């Protein structure tokens, strides 16, 4: 007669390394699948997944900054890529985060600058930001960093929806189609450059980038340390023969104090131990410097896992 193993033997077998359950995947919120946040998140996760004995890392598409910050606060994801201004707002409980301050928010590292970008149809007669008034303008989806920054700029100008013929909230892929199909005159996008969606748009129809400068922008930069002047290089896209001045924030990686030191350390180590590989993942990463990434545009305290790695490298 076949002998049935005792419960003790079964429990011992199931708890052995051979039967161990795989670790819960590391979840990282990004942005639209056509945007650089998504590329960045996947580049980070690929480096984690190349490293032996680490949990899987999954880069998840989302509505970007505000969406990711809410998901981190709610424990739905562990890490997220967010604009530096919304990192500041969420940690300090100001602006749209006035009633949901997250004092558990932790910084991991900054990534690349993100100029606030406006792209317009050539036939819409939009040469400056002021020319947008009365036009069909896309400010980005609800919960996105693009819309949040657009609203800051519109509020600073004293403009409301009534100042536009149409004020739309399309995601990047639909925005591109609407521009080329003459459903929009212009659209905004907080993004690192070069960007795939903007490249495809400028190759599909006659578009140009609009400079964002002037007293209102200067005052915003002066008042908020997470903003800085930015320039989109000439020839980055079809129709943009000269460099275009703007202002912007940084894309930053953030997490929660509730996420373990080990998991954040593993992510940071995977990126910086393979930094040259990471920099080659996209042209927007080419000029990144470790010394700047651990301090630029970080408004929340560094996570203990990040601190551990930076101290090991002698950077802190």
C-alpha atoms as a PDB file:
ATOM      1  CA  UNK A   1       0.000   0.000   0.000  1.00  0.00           C
ATOM      2  CA  UNK A   2       1.318   3.418  -0.982  1.00  0.00           C
ATOM      3  CA  UNK A   3       2.278   5.460   2.030  1.00  0.00           C
ATOM      4  CA  UNK A   4       0.885   9.025   2.173  1.00  0.00           C
ATOM      5  CA  UNK A   5       3.471  11.611   3.301  1.00  0.00           C
ATOM      6  CA  UNK A   6       2.770  13.281   6.609  1.00  0.00           C
ATOM      7  CA  UNK A   7       1.668  16.912   6.718  1.00  0.00           C
ATOM      8  CA  UNK A   8       5.031  17.762   8.267  1.00  0.00           C
ATOM      9  CA  UNK A   9       6.894  16.216   5.328  1.00  0.00           C
ATOM     10  CA  UNK A  10       4.640  18.001   2.816  1.00  0.00           C
ATOM     11  CA  UNK A  11       5.045  21.349   4.491  1.00  0.00           C
ATOM     12  CA  UNK A  12       8.819  20.865   4.606  1.00  0.00           C
ATOM     13  CA  UNK A  13       8.915  20.048   0.896  1.00  0.00           C
ATOM     14  CA  UNK A  14       6.749  22.978  -0.090  1.00  0.00           C
ATOM     15  CA  UNK A  15       8.843  25.407   1.942  1.00  0.00           C
ATOM     16  CA  UNK A  16      12.123  24.197   0.427  1.00  0.00           C
ATOM     17  CA  UNK A  17      13.824  26.303  -2.307  1.00  0.00           C
ATOM     18  CA  UNK A  18      12.746  23.736  -4.904  1.00  0.00           C
ATOM     19  CA  UNK A  19       9.086  24.482  -4.204  1.00  0.00           C
ATOM     20  CA  UNK A  20       9.438  28.140  -3.231  1.00  0.00           C
ATOM     21  CA  UNK A  21       6.881  30.468  -4.730  1.00  0.00           C
ATOM     22  CA  UNK A  22       8.315  33.112  -7.090  1.00  0.00           C
ATOM     23  CA  UNK A  23       8.746  36.551  -5.543  1.00  0.00           C
ATOM     24  CA  UNK A  24       6.038  39.087  -6.249  1.00  0.00           C
ATOM     25  CA  UNK A  25       6.943  41.082  -9.394  1.00  0.00           C
ATOM     26  CA  UNK A  26       8.213  44.624  -8.992  1.00  0.00           C
ATOM     27  CA  UNK A  27       5.579  46.927 -10.523  1.00  0.00           C
ATOM     28  CA  UNK A  28       6.603  50.200 -12.163  1.00  0.00           C
ATOM     29  CA  UNK A  29       4.048  52.717 -13.463  1.00  0.00           C
ATOM     30  CA  UNK A  30       5.055  54.542 -16.640  1.00  0.00           C
ATOM     31  CA  UNK A  31       2.824  56.458 -19.101  1.00  0.00           C
ATOM     32  CA  UNK A  32       1.307  56.124 -22.548  1.00  0.00           C
ATOM     33  CA  UNK A  33       2.745  53.310 -24.666  1.00  0.00           C
ATOM     34  CA  UNK A  34       3.820  55.910 -27.245  1.00  0.00           C
ATOM     35  CA  UNK A  35       5.687  58.031 -24.705  1.00  0.00           C
ATOM     36  CA  UNK A  36       9.179  58.087 -23.233  1.00  0.00           C
ATOM     37  CA  UNK A  37       7.987  57.148 -19.721  1.00  0.00           C
ATOM     38  CA  UNK A  38       6.966  53.766 -21.120  1.00  0.00           C
ATOM     39  CA  UNK A  39      10.334  53.358 -22.866  1.00  0.00           C
ATOM     40  CA  UNK A  40      12.135  54.379 -19.663  1.00  0.00           C
ATOM     41  CA  UNK A  41      10.180  52.010 -17.450  1.00  0.00           C
ATOM     42  CA  UNK A  42      10.831  49.115 -19.800  1.00  0.00           C
ATOM     43  CA  UNK A  43      14.550  49.980 -19.982  1.00  0.00           C
ATOM     44  CA  UNK A  44      14.746  49.898 -16.168  1.00  0.00           C
ATOM     45  CA  UNK A  45      12.806  46.634 -15.928  1.00  0.00           C
ATOM     46  CA  UNK A  46      14.922  44.979 -18.629  1.00  0.00           C
ATOM     47  CA  UNK A  47      18.038  45.659 -16.561  1.00  0.00           C
ATOM     48  CA  UNK A  48      16.367  44.237 -13.448  1.00  0.00           C
ATOM     49  CA  UNK A  49      15.218  41.183 -15.399  1.00  0.00           C
ATOM     50  CA  UNK A  50      18.732  40.607 -16.762  1.00  0.00           C
ATOM     51  CA  UNK A  51      20.026  40.252 -13.199  1.00  0.00           C
ATOM     52  CA  UNK A  52      19.953  36.764 -11.694  1.00  0.00           C
ATOM     53  CA  UNK A  53      17.940  36.003  -8.558  1.00  0.00           C
ATOM     54  CA  UNK A  54      15.814  39.156  -8.640  1.00  0.00           C
ATOM     55  CA  UNK A  55      12.009  39.324  -8.859  1.00  0.00           C
ATOM     56  CA  UNK A  56      10.525  40.042 -12.275  1.00  0.00           C
ATOM     57  CA  UNK A  57      10.015  43.729 -13.018  1.00  0.00           C
ATOM     58  CA  UNK A  58       6.911  44.779 -14.941  1.00  0.00           C
ATOM     59  CA  UNK A  59       6.567  48.211 -16.577  1.00  0.00           C
ATOM     60  CA  UNK A  60       2.881  49.130 -16.689  1.00  0.00           C
ATOM     61  CA  UNK A  61       1.282  51.660 -19.048  1.00  0.00           C
ATOM     62  CA  UNK A  62      -0.656  54.396 -17.238  1.00  0.00           C
ATOM     63  CA  UNK A  63      -1.848  57.993 -17.511  1.00  0.00           C
ATOM     64  CA  UNK A  64       1.582  59.061 -16.213  1.00  0.00           C
ATOM     65  CA  UNK A  65       2.580  61.323 -13.299  1.00  0.00           C
ATOM     66  CA  UNK A  66      -0.542  62.010 -11.254  1.00  0.00           C
ATOM     67  CA  UNK A  67      -1.942  58.572 -12.002  1.00  0.00           C
ATOM     68  CA  UNK A  68       1.307  56.926 -10.866  1.00  0.00           C
ATOM     69  CA  UNK A  69       1.486  58.996  -7.669  1.00  0.00           C
ATOM     70  CA  UNK A  70      -2.072  58.021  -6.745  1.00  0.00           C
ATOM     71  CA  UNK A  71      -1.343  54.353  -7.482  1.00  0.00           C
ATOM     72  CA  UNK A  72       1.805  54.435  -5.290  1.00  0.00           C
ATOM     73  CA  UNK A  73      -0.118  56.063  -2.435  1.00  0.00           C
ATOM     74  CA  UNK A  74      -2.824  53.393  -2.731  1.00  0.00           C
ATOM     75  CA  UNK A  75      -0.318  50.534  -2.805  1.00  0.00           C
ATOM     76  CA  UNK A  76      -1.314  49.490  -6.327  1.00  0.00           C
ATOM     77  CA  UNK A  77       2.227  49.837  -7.713  1.00  0.00           C
ATOM     78  CA  UNK A  78       5.630  50.035  -6.043  1.00  0.00           C
ATOM     79  CA  UNK A  79       7.469  52.512  -8.259  1.00  0.00           C
ATOM     80  CA  UNK A  80       6.452  55.139 -10.780  1.00  0.00           C
ATOM     81  CA  UNK A  81       7.920  57.676 -13.171  1.00  0.00           C
ATOM     82  CA  UNK A  82       6.601  61.165 -12.413  1.00  0.00           C
ATOM     83  CA  UNK A  83       7.350  64.783 -13.200  1.00  0.00           C
ATOM     84  CA  UNK A  84       9.455  66.531 -10.572  1.00  0.00           C
ATOM     85  CA  UNK A  85       6.796  69.179  -9.921  1.00  0.00           C
ATOM     86  CA  UNK A  86       4.173  66.551  -9.094  1.00  0.00           C
ATOM     87  CA  UNK A  87       6.653  64.699  -6.901  1.00  0.00           C
ATOM     88  CA  UNK A  88       6.940  67.975  -4.967  1.00  0.00           C
ATOM     89  CA  UNK A  89       3.188  68.541  -4.832  1.00  0.00           C
ATOM     90  CA  UNK A  90       2.386  65.004  -3.654  1.00  0.00           C
ATOM     91  CA  UNK A  91       5.033  64.940  -0.911  1.00  0.00           C
ATOM     92  CA  UNK A  92       4.175  68.427   0.363  1.00  0.00           C
ATOM     93  CA  UNK A  93       0.401  68.153  -0.083  1.00  0.00           C
ATOM     94  CA  UNK A  94      -0.040  71.218  -2.269  1.00  0.00           C
ATOM     95  CA  UNK A  95      -1.848  71.990  -5.512  1.00  0.00           C
ATOM     96  CA  UNK A  96      -4.042  69.127  -6.664  1.00  0.00           C
ATOM     97  CA  UNK A  97      -2.612  67.023  -3.796  1.00  0.00           C
ATOM     98  CA  UNK A  98      -3.759  69.449  -1.081  1.00  0.00           C
ATOM     99  CA  UNK A  99      -6.138  66.874   0.394  1.00  0.00           C
ATOM    100  CA  UNK A 100      -3.966  63.785  -0.186  1.00  0.00           C
ATOM    101  CA  UNK A 101      -0.456  64.569   0.997  1.00  0.00           C
ATOM    102  CA  UNK A 102       1.781  61.488   0.833  1.00  0.00           C
ATOM    103  CA  UNK A 103       4.529  61.814   3.418  1.00  0.00           C
ATOM    104  CA  UNK A 104       5.584  58.228   2.640  1.00  0.00           C
ATOM    105  CA  UNK A 105       6.611  59.218  -0.892  1.00  0.00           C
ATOM    106  CA  UNK A 106      10.301  58.581  -1.505  1.00  0.00           C
ATOM    107  CA  UNK A 107      12.629  59.593  -4.333  1.00  0.00           C
ATOM    108  CA  UNK A 108      14.827  57.035  -6.087  1.00  0.00           C
ATOM    109  CA  UNK A 109      16.591  59.042  -8.813  1.00  0.00           C
ATOM    110  CA  UNK A 110      15.900  61.658 -11.472  1.00  0.00           C
ATOM    111  CA  UNK A 111      16.194  60.737 -15.119  1.00  0.00           C
ATOM    112  CA  UNK A 112      16.030  63.318 -17.935  1.00  0.00           C
ATOM    113  CA  UNK A 113      14.687  66.866 -18.445  1.00  0.00           C
ATOM    114  CA  UNK A 114      11.195  67.196 -19.922  1.00  0.00           C
ATOM    115  CA  UNK A 115      10.540  70.451 -21.764  1.00  0.00           C
ATOM    116  CA  UNK A 116       6.884  71.447 -21.861  1.00  0.00           C
ATOM    117  CA  UNK A 117       6.250  71.111 -25.574  1.00  0.00           C
ATOM    118  CA  UNK A 118       3.586  72.599 -27.814  1.00  0.00           C
ATOM    119  CA  UNK A 119       3.195  71.353 -31.361  1.00  0.00           C
ATOM    120  CA  UNK A 120       0.950  73.181 -33.826  1.00  0.00           C
ATOM    121  CA  UNK A 121      -0.326  72.878 -37.366  1.00  0.00           C
ATOM    122  CA  UNK A 122       1.507  75.113 -39.816  1.00  0.00           C
ATOM    123  CA  UNK A 123      -1.811  76.498 -41.119  1.00  0.00           C
ATOM    124  CA  UNK A 124      -3.097  77.435 -37.633  1.00  0.00           C
ATOM    125  CA  UNK A 125      -1.045  80.663 -37.428  1.00  0.00           C
ATOM    126  CA  UNK A 126       0.414  79.826 -34.021  1.00  0.00           C
ATOM    127  CA  UNK A 127       3.899  81.303 -33.574  1.00  0.00           C
ATOM    128  CA  UNK A 128       3.874  82.007 -29.810  1.00  0.00           C
ATOM    129  CA  UNK A 129       2.045  80.725 -26.744  1.00  0.00           C
ATOM    130  CA  UNK A 130      -0.239  83.764 -26.812  1.00  0.00           C
ATOM    131  CA  UNK A 131      -1.467  82.707 -30.271  1.00  0.00           C
ATOM    132  CA  UNK A 132      -3.174  79.658 -28.733  1.00  0.00           C
ATOM    133  CA  UNK A 133      -6.024  81.770 -27.450  1.00  0.00           C
ATOM    134  CA  UNK A 134      -9.203  80.979 -29.365  1.00  0.00           C
ATOM    135  CA  UNK A 135      -7.715  77.832 -30.916  1.00  0.00           C
ATOM    136  CA  UNK A 136      -8.476  74.107 -30.645  1.00  0.00           C
ATOM    137  CA  UNK A 137      -5.935  73.016 -28.059  1.00  0.00           C
ATOM    138  CA  UNK A 138      -5.200  69.647 -26.428  1.00  0.00           C
ATOM    139  CA  UNK A 139      -3.965  69.768 -22.804  1.00  0.00           C
ATOM    140  CA  UNK A 140      -3.615  66.000 -22.234  1.00  0.00           C
ATOM    141  CA  UNK A 141      -5.589  63.333 -20.402  1.00  0.00           C
ATOM    142  CA  UNK A 142      -6.917  63.746 -16.882  1.00  0.00           C
ATOM    143  CA  UNK A 143      -4.330  62.615 -14.344  1.00  0.00           C
ATOM    144  CA  UNK A 144      -1.370  63.202 -16.663  1.00  0.00           C
ATOM    145  CA  UNK A 145       1.600  65.423 -15.874  1.00  0.00           C
ATOM    146  CA  UNK A 146       1.077  67.097 -19.238  1.00  0.00           C
ATOM    147  CA  UNK A 147      -2.376  68.330 -18.285  1.00  0.00           C
ATOM    148  CA  UNK A 148      -1.226  69.323 -14.804  1.00  0.00           C
ATOM    149  CA  UNK A 149       1.610  71.490 -16.150  1.00  0.00           C
ATOM    150  CA  UNK A 150      -0.626  72.910 -18.875  1.00  0.00           C
ATOM    151  CA  UNK A 151      -3.119  73.959 -16.202  1.00  0.00           C
ATOM    152  CA  UNK A 152      -0.377  75.655 -14.166  1.00  0.00           C
ATOM    153  CA  UNK A 153       0.600  77.676 -17.232  1.00  0.00           C
ATOM    154  CA  UNK A 154      -3.013  78.507 -18.174  1.00  0.00           C
ATOM    155  CA  UNK A 155      -3.761  79.591 -14.595  1.00  0.00           C
ATOM    156  CA  UNK A 156      -0.669  81.803 -14.600  1.00  0.00           C
ATOM    157  CA  UNK A 157      -1.958  83.408 -17.804  1.00  0.00           C
ATOM    158  CA  UNK A 158      -5.433  83.797 -16.315  1.00  0.00           C
ATOM    159  CA  UNK A 159      -6.951  81.662 -19.072  1.00  0.00           C
ATOM    160  CA  UNK A 160      -9.856  79.212 -18.742  1.00  0.00           C
ATOM    161  CA  UNK A 161     -11.596  76.787 -21.116  1.00  0.00           C
ATOM    162  CA  UNK A 162     -13.690  79.724 -22.303  1.00  0.00           C
ATOM    163  CA  UNK A 163     -10.583  81.241 -23.882  1.00  0.00           C
ATOM    164  CA  UNK A 164     -10.339  78.361 -26.371  1.00  0.00           C
ATOM    165  CA  UNK A 165     -12.517  77.228 -29.243  1.00  0.00           C
ATOM    166  CA  UNK A 166     -11.891  73.648 -28.040  1.00  0.00           C
ATOM    167  CA  UNK A 167      -9.930  72.469 -25.002  1.00  0.00           C
ATOM    168  CA  UNK A 168      -9.415  68.745 -25.485  1.00  0.00           C
ATOM    169  CA  UNK A 169      -7.975  65.942 -23.306  1.00  0.00           C
ATOM    170  CA  UNK A 170      -6.704  63.362 -25.769  1.00  0.00           C
ATOM    171  CA  UNK A 171      -3.872  60.876 -25.089  1.00  0.00           C
ATOM    172  CA  UNK A 172      -0.727  61.229 -27.241  1.00  0.00           C
ATOM    173  CA  UNK A 173      -1.684  58.704 -29.950  1.00  0.00           C
ATOM    174  CA  UNK A 174      -5.109  60.288 -30.510  1.00  0.00           C
ATOM    175  CA  UNK A 175      -3.586  63.761 -30.265  1.00  0.00           C
ATOM    176  CA  UNK A 176      -1.309  62.997 -33.218  1.00  0.00           C
ATOM    177  CA  UNK A 177      -4.225  61.780 -35.346  1.00  0.00           C
ATOM    178  CA  UNK A 178      -6.336  64.805 -34.441  1.00  0.00           C
ATOM    179  CA  UNK A 179      -3.557  67.216 -35.399  1.00  0.00           C
ATOM    180  CA  UNK A 180      -2.978  65.606 -38.774  1.00  0.00           C
ATOM    181  CA  UNK A 181      -6.729  65.240 -39.466  1.00  0.00           C
ATOM    182  CA  UNK A 182      -7.313  68.937 -38.676  1.00  0.00           C
ATOM    183  CA  UNK A 183      -9.256  68.127 -35.519  1.00  0.00           C
ATOM    184  CA  UNK A 184      -6.851  70.225 -33.431  1.00  0.00           C
ATOM    185  CA  UNK A 185      -4.775  73.345 -34.021  1.00  0.00           C
ATOM    186  CA  UNK A 186      -2.185  72.579 -31.348  1.00  0.00           C
ATOM    187  CA  UNK A 187      -1.362  70.181 -28.541  1.00  0.00           C
ATOM    188  CA  UNK A 188       0.839  70.113 -25.450  1.00  0.00           C
ATOM    189  CA  UNK A 189       3.108  67.314 -24.294  1.00  0.00           C
ATOM    190  CA  UNK A 190       5.512  67.157 -21.343  1.00  0.00           C
ATOM    191  CA  UNK A 191       8.142  64.838 -22.735  1.00  0.00           C
ATOM    192  CA  UNK A 192      11.811  64.122 -23.248  1.00  0.00           C
ATOM    193  CA  UNK A 193      13.186  64.496 -26.747  1.00  0.00           C
ATOM    194  CA  UNK A 194      13.353  62.997 -29.282  1.00  0.00           C
ATOM    195  CA  UNK A 195       9.895  61.460 -28.884  1.00  0.00           C
ATOM    196  CA  UNK A 196       8.442  58.778 -31.156  1.00  0.00           C
ATOM    197  CA  UNK A 197       4.899  60.177 -31.247  1.00  0.00           C
ATOM    198  CA  UNK A 198       6.084  63.679 -32.167  1.00  0.00           C
ATOM    199  CA  UNK A 199       8.502  62.306 -34.748  1.00  0.00           C
ATOM    200  CA  UNK A 200       5.696  60.335 -36.424  1.00  0.00           C
ATOM    201  CA  UNK A 201       3.394  63.352 -36.306  1.00  0.00           C
ATOM    202  CA  UNK A 202       5.860  65.729 -37.954  1.00  0.00           C
ATOM    203  CA  UNK A 203       6.570  63.150 -40.656  1.00  0.00           C
ATOM    204  CA  UNK A 204       2.852  62.672 -41.344  1.00  0.00           C
ATOM    205  CA  UNK A 205       1.697  66.285 -41.683  1.00  0.00           C
ATOM    206  CA  UNK A 206       2.933  69.886 -41.575  1.00  0.00           C
ATOM    207  CA  UNK A 207       3.609  70.753 -37.943  1.00  0.00           C
ATOM    208  CA  UNK A 208       6.066  72.850 -35.939  1.00  0.00           C
ATOM    209  CA  UNK A 209       7.081  73.374 -32.313  1.00  0.00           C
ATOM    210  CA  UNK A 210       6.038  76.593 -30.568  1.00  0.00           C
ATOM    211  CA  UNK A 211       8.415  78.447 -28.186  1.00  0.00           C
ATOM    212  CA  UNK A 212       7.141  78.916 -24.627  1.00  0.00           C
ATOM    213  CA  UNK A 213       8.840  81.977 -23.211  1.00  0.00           C
ATOM    214  CA  UNK A 214       8.057  85.315 -21.606  1.00  0.00           C
ATOM    215  CA  UNK A 215       7.354  86.932 -18.249  1.00  0.00           C
ATOM    216  CA  UNK A 216       4.871  84.300 -17.060  1.00  0.00           C
ATOM    217  CA  UNK A 217       7.365  81.499 -17.689  1.00  0.00           C
ATOM    218  CA  UNK A 218      10.184  83.460 -16.040  1.00  0.00           C
ATOM    219  CA  UNK A 219       8.055  83.968 -12.925  1.00  0.00           C
ATOM    220  CA  UNK A 220       7.160  80.271 -12.745  1.00  0.00           C
ATOM    221  CA  UNK A 221      10.841  79.309 -12.926  1.00  0.00           C
ATOM    222  CA  UNK A 222      11.749  81.880 -10.290  1.00  0.00           C
ATOM    223  CA  UNK A 223       9.029  80.703  -7.919  1.00  0.00           C
ATOM    224  CA  UNK A 224       9.512  76.940  -8.286  1.00  0.00           C
ATOM    225  CA  UNK A 225      12.875  75.185  -8.051  1.00  0.00           C
ATOM    226  CA  UNK A 226      11.611  72.122  -9.925  1.00  0.00           C
ATOM    227  CA  UNK A 227      11.185  74.191 -13.117  1.00  0.00           C
ATOM    228  CA  UNK A 228      14.060  75.240 -15.352  1.00  0.00           C
ATOM    229  CA  UNK A 229      14.536  76.722 -18.807  1.00  0.00           C
ATOM    230  CA  UNK A 230      14.937  74.085 -21.502  1.00  0.00           C
ATOM    231  CA  UNK A 231      15.781  73.997 -25.194  1.00  0.00           C
ATOM    232  CA  UNK A 232      14.664  71.491 -27.820  1.00  0.00           C
ATOM    233  CA  UNK A 233      17.545  71.186 -30.306  1.00  0.00           C
ATOM    234  CA  UNK A 234      17.152  72.239 -33.927  1.00  0.00           C
ATOM    235  CA  UNK A 235      16.369  69.471 -36.424  1.00  0.00           C
ATOM    236  CA  UNK A 236      14.946  67.215 -33.716  1.00  0.00           C
ATOM    237  CA  UNK A 237      11.760  66.995 -35.782  1.00  0.00           C
ATOM    238  CA  UNK A 238      10.637  67.827 -39.301  1.00  0.00           C
ATOM    239  CA  UNK A 239       9.503  71.445 -39.493  1.00  0.00           C
ATOM    240  CA  UNK A 240      11.708  72.601 -36.627  1.00  0.00           C
ATOM    241  CA  UNK A 241      14.789  74.108 -38.244  1.00  0.00           C
ATOM    242  CA  UNK A 242      15.808  76.254 -35.265  1.00  0.00           C
ATOM    243  CA  UNK A 243      16.222  75.415 -31.566  1.00  0.00           C
ATOM    244  CA  UNK A 244      12.992  75.998 -29.635  1.00  0.00           C
ATOM    245  CA  UNK A 245      13.058  77.565 -26.155  1.00  0.00           C
ATOM    246  CA  UNK A 246      10.725  76.343 -23.450  1.00  0.00           C
ATOM    247  CA  UNK A 247      10.769  75.445 -19.756  1.00  0.00           C
ATOM    248  CA  UNK A 248      10.329  72.155 -18.012  1.00  0.00           C
ATOM    249  CA  UNK A 249      10.656  69.653 -15.234  1.00  0.00           C
ATOM    250  CA  UNK A 250      12.502  66.354 -14.815  1.00  0.00           C
ATOM    251  CA  UNK A 251      11.225  62.825 -15.157  1.00  0.00           C
ATOM    252  CA  UNK A 252      11.930  61.157 -11.807  1.00  0.00           C
ATOM    253  CA  UNK A 253      11.566  57.659 -10.364  1.00  0.00           C
ATOM    254  CA  UNK A 254       9.716  57.530  -7.050  1.00  0.00           C
ATOM    255  CA  UNK A 255       8.426  54.899  -4.657  1.00  0.00           C
ATOM    256  CA  UNK A 256       6.952  54.542  -1.165  1.00  0.00           C
ATOM    257  CA  UNK A 257       8.588  54.109   2.236  1.00  0.00           C
ATOM    258  CA  UNK A 258       6.398  50.983   2.484  1.00  0.00           C
ATOM    259  CA  UNK A 259       8.428  49.296  -0.283  1.00  0.00           C
ATOM    260  CA  UNK A 260      11.292  47.281   1.177  1.00  0.00           C
ATOM    261  CA  UNK A 261      14.877  48.514   1.183  1.00  0.00           C
ATOM    262  CA  UNK A 262      15.949  45.348  -0.652  1.00  0.00           C
ATOM    263  CA  UNK A 263      13.563  45.790  -3.592  1.00  0.00           C
ATOM    264  CA  UNK A 264      14.480  49.426  -4.208  1.00  0.00           C
ATOM    265  CA  UNK A 265      18.189  48.668  -3.755  1.00  0.00           C
ATOM    266  CA  UNK A 266      17.922  45.915  -6.379  1.00  0.00           C
ATOM    267  CA  UNK A 267      16.317  48.285  -8.910  1.00  0.00           C
ATOM    268  CA  UNK A 268      18.886  51.039  -8.317  1.00  0.00           C
ATOM    269  CA  UNK A 269      21.816  48.615  -8.469  1.00  0.00           C
ATOM    270  CA  UNK A 270      20.498  47.073 -11.709  1.00  0.00           C
ATOM    271  CA  UNK A 271      20.412  50.506 -13.371  1.00  0.00           C
ATOM    272  CA  UNK A 272      23.680  51.989 -12.141  1.00  0.00           C
ATOM    273  CA  UNK A 273      25.741  48.786 -12.369  1.00  0.00           C
ATOM    274  CA  UNK A 274      24.698  48.734 -16.039  1.00  0.00           C
ATOM    275  CA  UNK A 275      24.652  52.473 -16.614  1.00  0.00           C
ATOM    276  CA  UNK A 276      26.216  52.544 -20.077  1.00  0.00           C
ATOM    277  CA  UNK A 277      23.691  49.978 -21.285  1.00  0.00           C
ATOM    278  CA  UNK A 278      20.880  52.077 -19.813  1.00  0.00           C
ATOM    279  CA  UNK A 279      22.146  55.246 -21.535  1.00  0.00           C
ATOM    280  CA  UNK A 280      22.073  53.449 -24.885  1.00  0.00           C
ATOM    281  CA  UNK A 281      18.396  52.532 -24.447  1.00  0.00           C
ATOM    282  CA  UNK A 282      17.218  55.873 -25.867  1.00  0.00           C
ATOM    283  CA  UNK A 283      18.825  59.056 -27.249  1.00  0.00           C
ATOM    284  CA  UNK A 284      17.242  61.087 -24.406  1.00  0.00           C
ATOM    285  CA  UNK A 285      19.492  59.223 -21.939  1.00  0.00           C
ATOM    286  CA  UNK A 286      22.770  59.838 -23.768  1.00  0.00           C
ATOM    287  CA  UNK A 287      23.973  62.723 -21.581  1.00  0.00           C
ATOM    288  CA  UNK A 288      22.834  61.436 -18.192  1.00  0.00           C
ATOM    289  CA  UNK A 289      25.287  61.665 -15.295  1.00  0.00           C
ATOM    290  CA  UNK A 290      25.051  59.593 -12.103  1.00  0.00           C
ATOM    291  CA  UNK A 291      26.082  62.544  -9.932  1.00  0.00           C
ATOM    292  CA  UNK A 292      23.143  64.612 -11.215  1.00  0.00           C
ATOM    293  CA  UNK A 293      20.555  61.827 -11.164  1.00  0.00           C
ATOM    294  CA  UNK A 294      20.884  61.274  -7.417  1.00  0.00           C
ATOM    295  CA  UNK A 295      20.119  64.919  -6.575  1.00  0.00           C
ATOM    296  CA  UNK A 296      18.451  66.835  -9.447  1.00  0.00           C
ATOM    297  CA  UNK A 297      14.780  67.711  -8.955  1.00  0.00           C
ATOM    298  CA  UNK A 298      14.264  65.359  -5.995  1.00  0.00           C
ATOM    299  CA  UNK A 299      11.770  66.930  -3.586  1.00  0.00           C
ATOM    300  CA  UNK A 300      10.928  63.865  -1.479  1.00  0.00           C
ATOM    301  CA  UNK A 301      13.531  62.164   0.751  1.00  0.00           C
ATOM    302  CA  UNK A 302      15.601  59.425  -0.840  1.00  0.00           C
ATOM    303  CA  UNK A 303      14.416  55.876  -0.170  1.00  0.00           C
ATOM    304  CA  UNK A 304      16.634  53.855   2.177  1.00  0.00           C
ATOM    305  CA  UNK A 305      17.330  51.322  -0.587  1.00  0.00           C
ATOM    306  CA  UNK A 306      18.642  54.069  -2.843  1.00  0.00           C
ATOM    307  CA  UNK A 307      20.706  55.595  -0.028  1.00  0.00           C
ATOM    308  CA  UNK A 308      22.309  52.201   0.679  1.00  0.00           C
ATOM    309  CA  UNK A 309      23.491  51.835  -2.920  1.00  0.00           C
ATOM    310  CA  UNK A 310      24.657  55.448  -3.298  1.00  0.00           C
ATOM    311  CA  UNK A 311      26.707  55.137  -0.083  1.00  0.00           C
ATOM    312  CA  UNK A 312      28.257  51.910  -1.356  1.00  0.00           C
ATOM    313  CA  UNK A 313      29.380  53.770  -4.468  1.00  0.00           C
ATOM    314  CA  UNK A 314      30.718  56.694  -2.423  1.00  0.00           C
ATOM    315  CA  UNK A 315      28.222  59.128  -3.944  1.00  0.00           C
ATOM    316  CA  UNK A 316      26.705  60.128  -0.579  1.00  0.00           C
END
